[in-house]
Amino acid sequence: MDGLLSAQVPASGADIDAEGYDRPGARWLERRISDGVLLVQGPMGSQLMSQVGAHDVPAAFWNVGEPQEVARLHALYRACGADAMLTNTFQASAPALARDGVTAPMRRVNREAVALARRAGAPCTLGSIGMCGIDWLVEDSAEYRAARAAYRDQARELLAAGVSGIMLETFTSTRALAPALEGALDAADGMPVLVSFAIDDAGDLMGDGLNIEAACMFAQERGACSVGVNCCSVEAATAAVPRMVRAVPLPVSVRPNAGYPERADDGALGASAGAVGGANSVDALGTLGSVVATVAVAALGTSSGMGASSRLFWSGCPV
């Protein structure tokens, strides 16, 4: 931890070598989330941890330990209709890897994840980044600088490896988001940085209890190009959409827990009750006018889609 706390953080992204960034992919992504519907793949971690004997294996380890399984899951999501892959790097910052006992270098873990995601052949790949686990009290502190550096370094590796944008996801407070957004923007050099919050059924952040409107405004003011919610119920996500749309003039993402496929009496797999509820909610969202809704990859092996709009991209997959 001492080494992490002593990390030097640049005042801007001026020292970042952004020559190899996927600018065409970024432009495609920005157009798609502003003017159409983007179907994003579902989770990786829960799918990997559900493998026999793998419940305690860190998801990030699979990028270097069993890469063929990571590639297989991405391919399945693509086959189900996902237009955007989400890298298996949610907990692949240097502090998170150290905490989880993954000894492979952060650079290798993240770059392998990007290569595996891009192998699926989707038009877009987003680099997933979750909370790194470094707590801080004041911005002018070694802890804050270390957190910002951790996010910057992970975002830089993801972008250099070819992602079209960064997704900061499942953030439970604006305090946790602050160094993440700054760090990602340090590395971004104009590439899209999207933010998604974890909320409760009242539409408040799980960590600090801030309402979703204030959280979205915070993200917008700090430079996010999109806001959204994930890791919540379908009902909470549906209720949050009009609130986010009214709060900020940004594309909105919704990625609730839709549940796993359910097996019928005849043995056939079908959409879960949560996925069906999500699809029904899409019809209601259409009344918002400028909001478009679609449900993508309700669960591996099933999918449903409906509607079209300009402000919402939805991945109704279990997280």
Protein backbone atom coordinates (compact mmCIF):
# COMPACT_ATOMS: atom_id res chain seq x y z
CA MET A 1 0.00 0.00 0.00
CA ASP A 2 2.88 2.42 0.67
CA GLY A 3 3.90 2.13 -2.97
CA LEU A 4 0.38 2.88 -4.10
CA LEU A 5 0.06 5.89 -1.82
CA SER A 6 3.27 7.37 -3.17
CA ALA A 7 2.07 7.22 -6.78
CA GLN A 8 2.50 10.45 -8.71
CA VAL A 9 -0.61 11.79 -10.41
CA PRO A 10 -0.30 14.19 -13.33
CA ALA A 11 -2.26 17.44 -13.28
CA SER A 12 -3.74 16.50 -16.65
CA GLY A 13 -3.55 13.81 -19.30
CA ALA A 14 -0.65 15.55 -21.02
CA ASP A 15 1.81 12.72 -20.36
CA ILE A 16 -0.53 10.05 -21.71
CA ASP A 17 0.47 8.46 -25.03
CA ALA A 18 -2.92 8.38 -26.74
CA GLU A 19 -1.71 7.75 -30.29
CA GLY A 20 -3.18 4.25 -30.45
CA TYR A 21 -6.59 5.08 -28.95
CA ASP A 22 -9.61 3.83 -30.89
CA ARG A 23 -10.92 7.22 -32.08
CA PRO A 24 -13.23 5.76 -34.78
CA GLY A 25 -14.77 3.42 -32.20
CA ALA A 26 -15.27 6.31 -29.81
CA ARG A 27 -17.07 8.34 -32.47
CA TRP A 28 -19.28 5.35 -33.29
CA LEU A 29 -20.09 4.90 -29.59
CA GLU A 30 -20.95 8.56 -29.05
CA ARG A 31 -23.24 8.61 -32.08
CA ARG A 32 -24.95 5.39 -31.07
CA ILE A 33 -25.75 6.34 -27.48
CA SER A 34 -26.88 9.80 -28.53
CA ASP A 35 -29.06 8.87 -31.49
CA GLY A 36 -29.92 5.20 -31.19
CA VAL A 37 -29.92 2.10 -29.08
CA LEU A 38 -26.81 0.33 -27.81
CA LEU A 39 -27.18 -3.23 -26.59
CA VAL A 40 -24.50 -3.91 -24.00
CA GLN A 41 -23.47 -7.39 -22.93
CA GLY A 42 -24.27 -8.73 -19.49
CA PRO A 43 -21.92 -9.48 -16.59
CA MET A 44 -18.76 -11.54 -16.62
CA GLY A 45 -17.94 -11.93 -12.93
CA SER A 46 -21.11 -13.71 -11.84
CA GLN A 47 -20.96 -16.00 -14.87
CA LEU A 48 -17.35 -16.96 -14.19
CA MET A 49 -17.87 -17.42 -10.46
CA SER A 50 -20.83 -19.71 -11.14
CA GLN A 51 -18.50 -22.26 -12.75
CA VAL A 52 -18.03 -25.44 -10.73
CA GLY A 53 -15.42 -24.88 -8.01
CA ALA A 54 -14.82 -21.25 -9.06
CA HIS A 55 -16.89 -19.28 -6.54
CA ASP A 56 -13.76 -17.94 -4.83
CA VAL A 57 -11.65 -17.34 -7.96
CA PRO A 58 -11.33 -13.60 -8.73
CA ALA A 59 -12.97 -12.78 -12.04
CA ALA A 60 -9.91 -10.87 -13.27
CA PHE A 61 -7.72 -13.97 -12.87
CA TRP A 62 -9.63 -15.70 -15.67
CA ASN A 63 -8.16 -13.26 -18.21
CA VAL A 64 -4.76 -14.90 -17.76
CA GLY A 65 -5.67 -18.23 -16.15
CA GLU A 66 -8.55 -19.45 -18.35
CA PRO A 67 -8.83 -16.91 -21.18
CA GLN A 68 -10.75 -19.28 -23.43
CA GLU A 69 -13.71 -19.18 -21.02
CA VAL A 70 -13.73 -15.38 -21.01
CA ALA A 71 -13.68 -15.37 -24.81
CA ARG A 72 -16.49 -17.94 -24.89
CA LEU A 73 -18.76 -15.79 -22.71
CA HIS A 74 -18.14 -12.70 -24.83
CA ALA A 75 -18.96 -14.73 -27.94
CA LEU A 76 -22.22 -15.94 -26.39
CA TYR A 77 -23.26 -12.39 -25.53
CA ARG A 78 -22.46 -11.32 -29.07
CA ALA A 79 -24.52 -14.20 -30.44
CA CYS A 80 -27.41 -13.06 -28.23
CA GLY A 81 -27.32 -9.66 -29.93
CA ALA A 82 -25.04 -7.46 -27.85
CA ASP A 83 -23.49 -4.63 -29.87
CA ALA A 84 -20.99 -3.66 -27.19
CA MET A 85 -18.68 -5.86 -25.18
CA LEU A 86 -17.76 -4.99 -21.59
CA THR A 87 -14.27 -6.10 -20.57
CA ASN A 88 -13.73 -8.50 -17.69
CA THR A 89 -11.86 -5.84 -15.70
CA PHE A 90 -14.41 -4.63 -13.14
CA GLN A 91 -11.95 -5.45 -10.33
CA ALA A 92 -8.67 -5.26 -12.24
CA SER A 93 -7.10 -2.07 -10.92
CA ALA A 94 -3.73 -2.55 -9.22
CA PRO A 95 -5.18 -2.22 -5.68
CA ALA A 96 -8.02 -4.63 -6.46
CA LEU A 97 -5.68 -7.22 -7.96
CA ALA A 98 -3.38 -6.99 -4.94
CA ARG A 99 -6.33 -7.37 -2.57
CA ASP A 100 -7.59 -10.43 -4.44
CA GLY A 101 -4.17 -12.09 -4.64
CA VAL A 102 -3.86 -11.88 -8.43
CA THR A 103 -0.12 -11.66 -9.03
CA ALA A 104 -0.20 -11.09 -12.79
CA PRO A 105 0.73 -7.50 -13.70
CA MET A 106 -2.18 -5.07 -13.96
CA ARG A 107 -1.11 -4.19 -17.50
CA ARG A 108 -1.28 -7.81 -18.65
CA VAL A 109 -4.62 -8.56 -16.97
CA ASN A 110 -6.30 -5.55 -18.55
CA ARG A 111 -4.77 -5.87 -22.01
CA GLU A 112 -5.61 -9.56 -22.19
CA ALA A 113 -9.20 -8.72 -21.21
CA VAL A 114 -9.51 -6.20 -24.04
CA ALA A 115 -8.12 -8.65 -26.58
CA LEU A 116 -10.58 -11.33 -25.44
CA ALA A 117 -13.55 -8.95 -25.60
CA ARG A 118 -12.62 -7.63 -29.04
CA ARG A 119 -12.33 -11.18 -30.35
CA ALA A 120 -16.15 -11.37 -30.25
CA GLY A 121 -16.30 -8.99 -33.19
CA ALA A 122 -18.75 -6.44 -31.74
CA PRO A 123 -18.68 -2.89 -33.12
CA CYS A 124 -17.73 -1.50 -29.72
CA THR A 125 -15.84 -2.55 -26.60
CA LEU A 126 -16.15 -0.70 -23.29
CA GLY A 127 -13.50 -0.93 -20.59
CA SER A 128 -15.13 -1.80 -17.26
CA ILE A 129 -13.74 -0.19 -14.09
CA GLY A 130 -15.20 -0.64 -10.60
CA MET A 131 -14.31 0.88 -7.25
CA CYS A 132 -10.64 0.24 -6.43
CA GLY A 133 -11.05 0.04 -2.66
CA ILE A 134 -8.80 2.93 -1.56
CA ASP A 135 -10.61 5.08 1.01
CA TRP A 136 -9.87 8.79 1.34
CA LEU A 137 -11.01 11.69 3.52
CA VAL A 138 -9.84 14.85 1.74
CA GLU A 139 -8.84 15.43 -1.88
CA ASP A 140 -5.48 16.88 -0.88
CA SER A 141 -4.26 13.58 0.55
CA ALA A 142 -1.99 10.69 -0.37
CA GLU A 143 -4.98 8.33 -0.38
CA TYR A 144 -6.92 10.42 -2.89
CA ARG A 145 -3.90 10.74 -5.15
CA ALA A 146 -3.31 6.99 -4.96
CA ALA A 147 -6.91 6.22 -5.89
CA ARG A 148 -6.82 8.65 -8.78
CA ALA A 149 -3.55 7.14 -10.00
CA ALA A 150 -4.96 3.60 -9.81
CA TYR A 151 -7.97 4.55 -11.92
CA ARG A 152 -5.80 6.52 -14.35
CA ASP A 153 -3.39 3.65 -14.85
CA GLN A 154 -6.13 1.08 -15.44
CA ALA A 155 -8.00 3.37 -17.83
CA ARG A 156 -4.78 4.04 -19.73
CA GLU A 157 -4.10 0.32 -20.22
CA LEU A 158 -7.65 -0.34 -21.36
CA LEU A 159 -7.65 2.55 -23.82
CA ALA A 160 -4.19 1.71 -25.15
CA ALA A 161 -5.35 -1.86 -25.75
CA GLY A 162 -8.24 -0.70 -27.91
CA VAL A 163 -11.46 -0.03 -25.98
CA SER A 164 -13.80 2.58 -27.41
CA GLY A 165 -14.61 4.12 -24.04
CA ILE A 166 -14.45 3.64 -20.28
CA MET A 167 -17.41 2.50 -18.17
CA LEU A 168 -17.10 3.40 -14.48
CA GLU A 169 -19.75 1.09 -13.07
CA THR A 170 -21.50 0.12 -9.84
CA PHE A 171 -20.32 3.20 -7.98
CA THR A 172 -22.17 3.58 -4.69
CA SER A 173 -21.26 7.17 -3.79
CA THR A 174 -20.04 10.38 -5.37
CA ARG A 175 -17.08 10.25 -2.97
CA ALA A 176 -15.98 6.97 -4.53
CA LEU A 177 -16.63 8.31 -8.01
CA ALA A 178 -14.60 11.53 -7.69
CA PRO A 179 -11.07 10.08 -7.98
CA ALA A 180 -12.27 7.46 -10.49
CA LEU A 181 -13.69 10.06 -12.86
CA GLU A 182 -10.66 12.30 -12.50
CA GLY A 183 -8.29 9.39 -13.06
CA ALA A 184 -10.19 8.09 -16.07
CA LEU A 185 -10.31 11.56 -17.61
CA ASP A 186 -6.56 11.96 -16.97
CA ALA A 187 -6.06 9.01 -19.32
CA ALA A 188 -8.97 9.60 -21.69
CA ASP A 189 -7.63 12.40 -23.89
CA GLY A 190 -11.16 13.03 -25.15
CA MET A 191 -12.31 9.41 -25.24
CA PRO A 192 -15.80 8.72 -23.78
CA VAL A 193 -16.09 8.10 -20.04
CA LEU A 194 -19.45 6.73 -18.92
CA VAL A 195 -20.70 6.44 -15.33
CA SER A 196 -23.19 4.03 -13.77
CA PHE A 197 -24.41 4.01 -10.17
CA ALA A 198 -25.70 1.23 -7.92
CA ILE A 199 -29.03 2.31 -6.42
CA ASP A 200 -31.61 1.00 -3.95
CA ASP A 201 -35.34 0.68 -4.58
CA ALA A 202 -35.87 4.34 -3.66
CA GLY A 203 -33.44 5.45 -6.36
CA ASP A 204 -30.73 6.51 -3.93
CA LEU A 205 -27.06 5.54 -4.11
CA MET A 206 -26.28 2.42 -2.08
CA GLY A 207 -23.31 4.00 -0.31
CA ASP A 208 -24.08 7.60 0.62
CA GLY A 209 -27.84 7.68 0.07
CA LEU A 210 -27.65 10.55 -2.41
CA ASN A 211 -30.60 10.73 -4.77
CA ILE A 212 -29.99 9.71 -8.36
CA GLU A 213 -30.66 13.21 -9.73
CA ALA A 214 -27.88 14.77 -7.65
CA ALA A 215 -25.53 11.90 -8.47
CA CYS A 216 -26.11 12.35 -12.20
CA MET A 217 -25.54 16.10 -11.98
CA PHE A 218 -22.30 15.47 -10.09
CA ALA A 219 -21.10 13.10 -12.80
CA GLN A 220 -22.04 15.50 -15.58
CA GLU A 221 -20.27 18.42 -13.91
CA ARG A 222 -17.15 16.28 -13.52
CA GLY A 223 -17.02 15.33 -17.20
CA ALA A 224 -19.03 12.10 -17.71
CA CYS A 225 -20.58 11.73 -21.18
CA SER A 226 -23.34 9.37 -19.98
CA VAL A 227 -24.98 8.42 -16.70
CA GLY A 228 -26.95 5.39 -15.65
CA VAL A 229 -27.80 2.75 -13.07
CA ASN A 230 -26.89 -0.90 -12.69
CA CYS A 231 -26.91 -3.63 -10.07
CA CYS A 232 -30.48 -2.81 -9.06
CA SER A 233 -33.97 -4.21 -9.48
CA VAL A 234 -35.89 -3.80 -12.72
CA GLU A 235 -38.45 -1.73 -10.81
CA ALA A 236 -35.80 0.61 -9.41
CA ALA A 237 -34.18 1.01 -12.81
CA THR A 238 -37.49 1.74 -14.51
CA ALA A 239 -38.36 4.40 -11.93
CA ALA A 240 -34.90 5.96 -12.19
CA VAL A 241 -34.97 6.50 -15.96
CA PRO A 242 -37.34 9.52 -16.11
CA ARG A 243 -35.60 11.03 -13.09
CA MET A 244 -32.20 10.81 -14.79
CA VAL A 245 -33.57 12.13 -18.08
CA ARG A 246 -35.02 15.18 -16.32
CA ALA A 247 -31.85 15.77 -14.31
CA VAL A 248 -29.20 15.85 -17.06
CA PRO A 249 -29.09 16.19 -20.86
CA LEU A 250 -26.99 13.06 -21.31
CA PRO A 251 -27.55 9.56 -22.72
CA VAL A 252 -28.88 7.27 -20.00
CA SER A 253 -27.99 3.63 -19.40
CA VAL A 254 -30.00 1.05 -17.50
CA ARG A 255 -28.56 -2.35 -16.58
CA PRO A 256 -30.66 -3.97 -13.84
CA ASN A 257 -30.59 -7.49 -12.48
CA ALA A 258 -32.93 -9.34 -14.80
CA GLY A 259 -32.27 -12.79 -13.39
CA TYR A 260 -31.11 -16.03 -14.96
CA PRO A 261 -33.02 -18.15 -17.49
CA GLU A 262 -35.77 -20.29 -16.03
CA ARG A 263 -36.46 -23.87 -17.11
CA ALA A 264 -40.03 -24.74 -18.06
CA ASP A 265 -41.74 -28.05 -17.30
CA ASP A 266 -40.72 -29.36 -20.71
CA GLY A 267 -37.08 -28.53 -20.00
CA ALA A 268 -36.86 -25.53 -22.31
CA LEU A 269 -35.03 -22.43 -21.12
CA GLY A 270 -36.87 -19.14 -21.19
CA ALA A 271 -36.64 -15.57 -19.94
CA SER A 272 -36.89 -15.03 -16.19
CA ALA A 273 -39.76 -13.12 -14.61
CA GLY A 274 -37.35 -10.23 -14.11
CA ALA A 275 -36.47 -10.14 -17.78
CA VAL A 276 -40.14 -10.19 -18.79
CA GLY A 277 -40.82 -7.39 -16.33
CA GLY A 278 -37.97 -5.43 -17.85
CA ALA A 279 -39.42 -5.87 -21.33
CA ASN A 280 -42.82 -4.69 -20.12
CA SER A 281 -41.19 -1.68 -18.50
CA VAL A 282 -39.71 -0.72 -21.85
CA ASP A 283 -43.19 -0.02 -23.22
CA ALA A 284 -43.85 2.41 -20.38
CA LEU A 285 -40.52 4.15 -20.94
CA GLY A 286 -41.55 4.85 -24.51
CA THR A 287 -44.06 7.39 -23.23
CA LEU A 288 -41.15 9.63 -22.24
CA GLY A 289 -40.79 10.57 -25.88
CA SER A 290 -37.07 11.18 -26.24
CA VAL A 291 -36.26 8.01 -24.35
CA VAL A 292 -35.70 4.86 -26.30
CA ALA A 293 -35.77 1.49 -24.70
CA THR A 294 -34.59 -1.94 -25.57
CA VAL A 295 -33.86 -5.04 -23.57
CA ALA A 296 -30.70 -6.88 -24.56
CA VAL A 297 -29.61 -10.37 -23.64
CA ALA A 298 -31.99 -10.93 -20.76
CA ALA A 299 -29.85 -13.91 -19.86
CA LEU A 300 -27.40 -16.12 -21.69
CA GLY A 301 -29.39 -18.18 -24.13
CA THR A 302 -32.42 -15.88 -24.27
CA SER A 303 -32.97 -12.38 -25.58
CA SER A 304 -35.75 -9.96 -26.37
CA GLY A 305 -35.80 -6.49 -27.82
CA MET A 306 -38.36 -3.79 -28.38
CA GLY A 307 -38.69 -0.11 -29.05
CA ALA A 308 -36.32 2.53 -30.25
CA SER A 309 -35.23 5.87 -28.86
CA SER A 310 -32.35 8.24 -28.44
CA ARG A 311 -31.52 8.49 -24.78
CA LEU A 312 -31.42 5.05 -23.22
CA PHE A 313 -29.24 2.04 -23.73
CA TRP A 314 -30.16 -0.99 -21.73
CA SER A 315 -28.59 -4.32 -20.91
CA GLY A 316 -31.02 -6.36 -18.86
CA CYS A 317 -28.61 -8.97 -17.64
CA PRO A 318 -27.85 -10.40 -14.19
CA VAL A 319 -24.84 -8.75 -12.57
